[in-house]
Amino acid sequence: MTPPDKSTSKRARVLFVCTHNSARSQMAEGFLRHHASDGFEARSAGTEPGALHPLAVQVMADSGIDISGQRAKSVDAFLEEPFDYVVTVCDDANESCPVFPNASHRLHWSFPDPSRAEGTPEERLAAFRSVRGAIRARVEEFLSSALSEGDHSNDSRR
């Protein structure tokens, strides 16, 4: 894939997948939309979709990104769509993610599930903030790489 060209109407399509599509994939979608909506089309889905986690909404809002309008969706809704990248963001989804026949690249980024964090409300919020920071850094790295290299076919994290 070549980097998105603003002079054309084609934007690179990216699907982020996790198990419940409640936090990690939603945050990744939010960051990609926020940082590169002119060059990328971001979507997210879950292998067993649940509901958008309120703490994911809160920590993203703390970063100035509103994901409150996003909703959990099943990967089944996207199986036949073309994607430049399908990115699993949790190990369970990586194991159970179906094959996307129209995807150019499959990547895996492993992040812990913040919704499994236990403790006080402050400790649980800290877990979401930590994962949010890791996702932000990985999305920014992905964007930097896409713009400088243009092709992730040799990405060792697939």
C-alpha atoms as a PDB file:
ATOM      1  CA  MET A   1       0.000   0.000   0.000  1.00  0.00           C
ATOM      2  CA  THR A   2       1.201   3.464  -0.734  1.00  0.00           C
ATOM      3  CA  PRO A   3       0.629   6.235   1.774  1.00  0.00           C
ATOM      4  CA  PRO A   4      -2.696   8.020   1.473  1.00  0.00           C
ATOM      5  CA  ASP A   5      -2.579  10.781  -1.097  1.00  0.00           C
ATOM      6  CA  LYS A   6      -4.636  13.835  -0.243  1.00  0.00           C
ATOM      7  CA  SER A   7      -5.029  14.574  -3.949  1.00  0.00           C
ATOM      8  CA  THR A   8      -7.061  11.382  -4.425  1.00  0.00           C
ATOM      9  CA  SER A   9     -10.277  10.400  -2.756  1.00  0.00           C
ATOM     10  CA  LYS A  10      -8.982   7.001  -1.602  1.00  0.00           C
ATOM     11  CA  ARG A  11      -8.252   6.807   2.075  1.00  0.00           C
ATOM     12  CA  ALA A  12      -6.557   3.765   3.572  1.00  0.00           C
ATOM     13  CA  ARG A  13      -9.138   1.669   5.407  1.00  0.00           C
ATOM     14  CA  VAL A  14      -8.249   0.288   8.838  1.00  0.00           C
ATOM     15  CA  LEU A  15     -10.328  -2.063  10.994  1.00  0.00           C
ATOM     16  CA  PHE A  16      -9.363  -2.444  14.666  1.00  0.00           C
ATOM     17  CA  VAL A  17     -10.586  -5.674  16.275  1.00  0.00           C
ATOM     18  CA  CYS A  18     -10.789  -6.793  19.899  1.00  0.00           C
ATOM     19  CA  THR A  19     -13.038  -9.239  21.682  1.00  0.00           C
ATOM     20  CA  HIS A  20     -15.876  -7.014  22.900  1.00  0.00           C
ATOM     21  CA  ASN A  21     -15.231  -3.841  20.890  1.00  0.00           C
ATOM     22  CA  SER A  22     -15.798  -1.974  24.137  1.00  0.00           C
ATOM     23  CA  ALA A  23     -12.484  -0.243  24.902  1.00  0.00           C
ATOM     24  CA  ARG A  24      -9.177  -0.993  23.118  1.00  0.00           C
ATOM     25  CA  SER A  25     -10.432  -1.150  19.540  1.00  0.00           C
ATOM     26  CA  GLN A  26     -12.744   1.815  20.177  1.00  0.00           C
ATOM     27  CA  MET A  27      -9.842   3.899  21.501  1.00  0.00           C
ATOM     28  CA  ALA A  28      -7.643   2.934  18.529  1.00  0.00           C
ATOM     29  CA  GLU A  29     -10.438   3.909  16.141  1.00  0.00           C
ATOM     30  CA  GLY A  30     -10.847   7.224  17.954  1.00  0.00           C
ATOM     31  CA  PHE A  31      -7.130   8.042  17.820  1.00  0.00           C
ATOM     32  CA  LEU A  32      -6.802   7.187  14.132  1.00  0.00           C
ATOM     33  CA  ARG A  33      -9.865   9.247  13.249  1.00  0.00           C
ATOM     34  CA  HIS A  34      -8.604  12.163  15.324  1.00  0.00           C
ATOM     35  CA  HIS A  35      -5.031  12.151  14.003  1.00  0.00           C
ATOM     36  CA  ALA A  36      -5.533  11.147  10.372  1.00  0.00           C
ATOM     37  CA  SER A  37      -9.140  11.307   9.224  1.00  0.00           C
ATOM     38  CA  ASP A  38      -8.055  12.940   5.971  1.00  0.00           C
ATOM     39  CA  GLY A  39      -5.864   9.966   5.026  1.00  0.00           C
ATOM     40  CA  PHE A  40      -7.429   7.009   6.810  1.00  0.00           C
ATOM     41  CA  GLU A  41     -10.892   5.603   7.342  1.00  0.00           C
ATOM     42  CA  ALA A  42     -11.055   3.971  10.777  1.00  0.00           C
ATOM     43  CA  ARG A  43     -13.512   1.334  11.951  1.00  0.00           C
ATOM     44  CA  SER A  44     -13.632  -1.061  14.893  1.00  0.00           C
ATOM     45  CA  ALA A  45     -15.404  -4.309  15.666  1.00  0.00           C
ATOM     46  CA  GLY A  46     -15.465  -7.213  18.104  1.00  0.00           C
ATOM     47  CA  THR A  47     -15.436 -10.974  17.835  1.00  0.00           C
ATOM     48  CA  GLU A  48     -18.041 -10.987  20.654  1.00  0.00           C
ATOM     49  CA  PRO A  49     -19.309  -7.384  20.702  1.00  0.00           C
ATOM     50  CA  GLY A  50     -20.596  -5.947  23.942  1.00  0.00           C
ATOM     51  CA  ALA A  51     -21.123  -2.275  24.770  1.00  0.00           C
ATOM     52  CA  LEU A  52     -18.885   0.764  24.724  1.00  0.00           C
ATOM     53  CA  HIS A  53     -17.184   0.994  28.138  1.00  0.00           C
ATOM     54  CA  PRO A  54     -17.865   4.280  29.976  1.00  0.00           C
ATOM     55  CA  LEU A  55     -14.273   4.518  31.235  1.00  0.00           C
ATOM     56  CA  ALA A  56     -12.990   4.266  27.652  1.00  0.00           C
ATOM     57  CA  VAL A  57     -15.244   7.189  26.758  1.00  0.00           C
ATOM     58  CA  GLN A  58     -14.003   9.127  29.805  1.00  0.00           C
ATOM     59  CA  VAL A  59     -10.263   8.656  29.223  1.00  0.00           C
ATOM     60  CA  MET A  60     -10.601   9.509  25.550  1.00  0.00           C
ATOM     61  CA  ALA A  61     -12.546  12.651  26.445  1.00  0.00           C
ATOM     62  CA  ASP A  62      -9.681  13.521  28.809  1.00  0.00           C
ATOM     63  CA  SER A  63      -7.483  13.447  25.678  1.00  0.00           C
ATOM     64  CA  GLY A  64      -9.887  15.683  23.781  1.00  0.00           C
ATOM     65  CA  ILE A  65     -11.389  12.897  21.665  1.00  0.00           C
ATOM     66  CA  ASP A  66     -15.113  12.140  21.809  1.00  0.00           C
ATOM     67  CA  ILE A  67     -15.917   8.478  21.140  1.00  0.00           C
ATOM     68  CA  SER A  68     -19.301   8.582  22.894  1.00  0.00           C
ATOM     69  CA  GLY A  69     -21.107   8.244  19.566  1.00  0.00           C
ATOM     70  CA  GLN A  70     -19.291   5.051  18.621  1.00  0.00           C
ATOM     71  CA  ARG A  71     -20.981   1.701  19.216  1.00  0.00           C
ATOM     72  CA  ALA A  72     -19.849  -1.907  19.487  1.00  0.00           C
ATOM     73  CA  LYS A  73     -20.138  -3.859  16.237  1.00  0.00           C
ATOM     74  CA  SER A  74     -19.515  -7.443  15.166  1.00  0.00           C
ATOM     75  CA  VAL A  75     -16.627  -8.363  12.862  1.00  0.00           C
ATOM     76  CA  ASP A  76     -19.209 -10.259  10.811  1.00  0.00           C
ATOM     77  CA  ALA A  77     -20.521  -6.941   9.495  1.00  0.00           C
ATOM     78  CA  PHE A  78     -17.127  -6.224   7.899  1.00  0.00           C
ATOM     79  CA  LEU A  79     -15.987  -9.613   6.545  1.00  0.00           C
ATOM     80  CA  GLU A  80     -16.617  -8.840   2.895  1.00  0.00           C
ATOM     81  CA  GLU A  81     -15.416  -5.230   2.967  1.00  0.00           C
ATOM     82  CA  PRO A  82     -11.992  -4.256   1.612  1.00  0.00           C
ATOM     83  CA  PHE A  83      -9.462  -3.081   4.208  1.00  0.00           C
ATOM     84  CA  ASP A  84      -5.877  -2.016   3.830  1.00  0.00           C
ATOM     85  CA  TYR A  85      -5.245  -3.102   7.424  1.00  0.00           C
ATOM     86  CA  VAL A  86      -7.002  -5.330   9.925  1.00  0.00           C
ATOM     87  CA  VAL A  87      -5.397  -4.769  13.325  1.00  0.00           C
ATOM     88  CA  THR A  88      -6.181  -6.995  16.293  1.00  0.00           C
ATOM     89  CA  VAL A  89      -5.541  -5.201  19.581  1.00  0.00           C
ATOM     90  CA  CYS A  90      -5.958  -8.088  22.012  1.00  0.00           C
ATOM     91  CA  ASP A  91      -4.575 -11.607  22.111  1.00  0.00           C
ATOM     92  CA  ASP A  92      -7.986 -13.300  22.303  1.00  0.00           C
ATOM     93  CA  ALA A  93      -9.187 -11.481  19.188  1.00  0.00           C
ATOM     94  CA  ASN A  94      -5.941 -12.344  17.421  1.00  0.00           C
ATOM     95  CA  GLU A  95      -6.649 -16.036  18.046  1.00  0.00           C
ATOM     96  CA  SER A  96     -10.321 -15.941  17.073  1.00  0.00           C
ATOM     97  CA  CYS A  97     -10.346 -13.250  14.395  1.00  0.00           C
ATOM     98  CA  PRO A  98     -11.825 -14.551  11.156  1.00  0.00           C
ATOM     99  CA  VAL A  99      -9.988 -14.258   7.875  1.00  0.00           C
ATOM    100  CA  PHE A 100     -10.733 -11.048   6.027  1.00  0.00           C
ATOM    101  CA  PRO A 101     -10.383 -12.069   2.368  1.00  0.00           C
ATOM    102  CA  ASN A 102     -10.256  -8.458   1.176  1.00  0.00           C
ATOM    103  CA  ALA A 103      -7.626  -7.202   3.641  1.00  0.00           C
ATOM    104  CA  SER A 104      -4.174  -6.294   2.368  1.00  0.00           C
ATOM    105  CA  HIS A 105      -2.390  -6.503   5.730  1.00  0.00           C
ATOM    106  CA  ARG A 106      -3.075  -8.131   9.084  1.00  0.00           C
ATOM    107  CA  LEU A 107      -1.304  -6.675  12.134  1.00  0.00           C
ATOM    108  CA  HIS A 108      -1.431  -7.592  15.813  1.00  0.00           C
ATOM    109  CA  TRP A 109      -0.887  -5.120  18.630  1.00  0.00           C
ATOM    110  CA  SER A 110      -1.256  -6.691  22.070  1.00  0.00           C
ATOM    111  CA  PHE A 111      -2.738  -4.491  24.799  1.00  0.00           C
ATOM    112  CA  PRO A 112      -4.038  -5.640  28.198  1.00  0.00           C
ATOM    113  CA  ASP A 113      -7.772  -5.452  28.807  1.00  0.00           C
ATOM    114  CA  PRO A 114      -8.387  -2.428  31.055  1.00  0.00           C
ATOM    115  CA  SER A 115     -11.934  -3.565  31.783  1.00  0.00           C
ATOM    116  CA  ARG A 116     -10.468  -6.483  33.755  1.00  0.00           C
ATOM    117  CA  ALA A 117      -8.677  -4.118  36.138  1.00  0.00           C
ATOM    118  CA  GLU A 118      -9.687  -4.459  39.759  1.00  0.00           C
ATOM    119  CA  GLY A 119      -9.385  -2.116  42.681  1.00  0.00           C
ATOM    120  CA  THR A 120     -10.646   1.299  43.566  1.00  0.00           C
ATOM    121  CA  PRO A 121     -12.329   3.492  40.967  1.00  0.00           C
ATOM    122  CA  GLU A 122      -9.070   5.461  40.742  1.00  0.00           C
ATOM    123  CA  GLU A 123      -7.050   2.283  40.109  1.00  0.00           C
ATOM    124  CA  ARG A 124      -9.454   1.145  37.403  1.00  0.00           C
ATOM    125  CA  LEU A 125      -9.304   4.586  35.766  1.00  0.00           C
ATOM    126  CA  ALA A 126      -5.490   4.438  35.914  1.00  0.00           C
ATOM    127  CA  ALA A 127      -5.585   1.110  34.032  1.00  0.00           C
ATOM    128  CA  PHE A 128      -7.679   2.687  31.271  1.00  0.00           C
ATOM    129  CA  ARG A 129      -5.325   5.672  31.108  1.00  0.00           C
ATOM    130  CA  SER A 130      -2.299   3.392  30.816  1.00  0.00           C
ATOM    131  CA  VAL A 131      -3.817   1.394  27.961  1.00  0.00           C
ATOM    132  CA  ARG A 132      -4.978   4.609  26.301  1.00  0.00           C
ATOM    133  CA  GLY A 133      -1.405   5.916  26.362  1.00  0.00           C
ATOM    134  CA  ALA A 134      -0.033   2.694  24.857  1.00  0.00           C
ATOM    135  CA  ILE A 135      -2.664   2.735  22.104  1.00  0.00           C
ATOM    136  CA  ARG A 136      -2.000   6.395  21.339  1.00  0.00           C
ATOM    137  CA  ALA A 137       1.736   5.699  20.990  1.00  0.00           C
ATOM    138  CA  ARG A 138       1.143   2.676  18.734  1.00  0.00           C
ATOM    139  CA  VAL A 139      -1.301   4.551  16.475  1.00  0.00           C
ATOM    140  CA  GLU A 140       1.151   7.447  16.191  1.00  0.00           C
ATOM    141  CA  GLU A 141       3.958   5.000  15.342  1.00  0.00           C
ATOM    142  CA  PHE A 142       1.719   3.354  12.740  1.00  0.00           C
ATOM    143  CA  LEU A 143       0.928   6.721  11.162  1.00  0.00           C
ATOM    144  CA  SER A 144       4.571   7.754  11.124  1.00  0.00           C
ATOM    145  CA  SER A 145       5.530   4.472   9.498  1.00  0.00           C
ATOM    146  CA  ALA A 146       2.702   4.647   6.955  1.00  0.00           C
ATOM    147  CA  LEU A 147       3.694   8.134   5.919  1.00  0.00           C
ATOM    148  CA  SER A 148       7.433   7.418   5.737  1.00  0.00           C
ATOM    149  CA  GLU A 149       7.470   3.850   4.405  1.00  0.00           C
ATOM    150  CA  GLY A 150       4.145   3.526   2.663  1.00  0.00           C
ATOM    151  CA  ASP A 151       4.035  -0.267   3.006  1.00  0.00           C
ATOM    152  CA  HIS A 152       3.787  -2.494   6.068  1.00  0.00           C
ATOM    153  CA  SER A 153       4.178  -5.837   4.328  1.00  0.00           C
ATOM    154  CA  ASN A 154       7.392  -6.433   6.281  1.00  0.00           C
ATOM    155  CA  ASP A 155       5.993  -5.347   9.661  1.00  0.00           C
ATOM    156  CA  SER A 156       7.292  -7.889  12.170  1.00  0.00           C
ATOM    157  CA  ARG A 157       4.382  -7.278  14.546  1.00  0.00           C
ATOM    158  CA  ARG A 158       1.815  -8.835  12.254  1.00  0.00           C
END
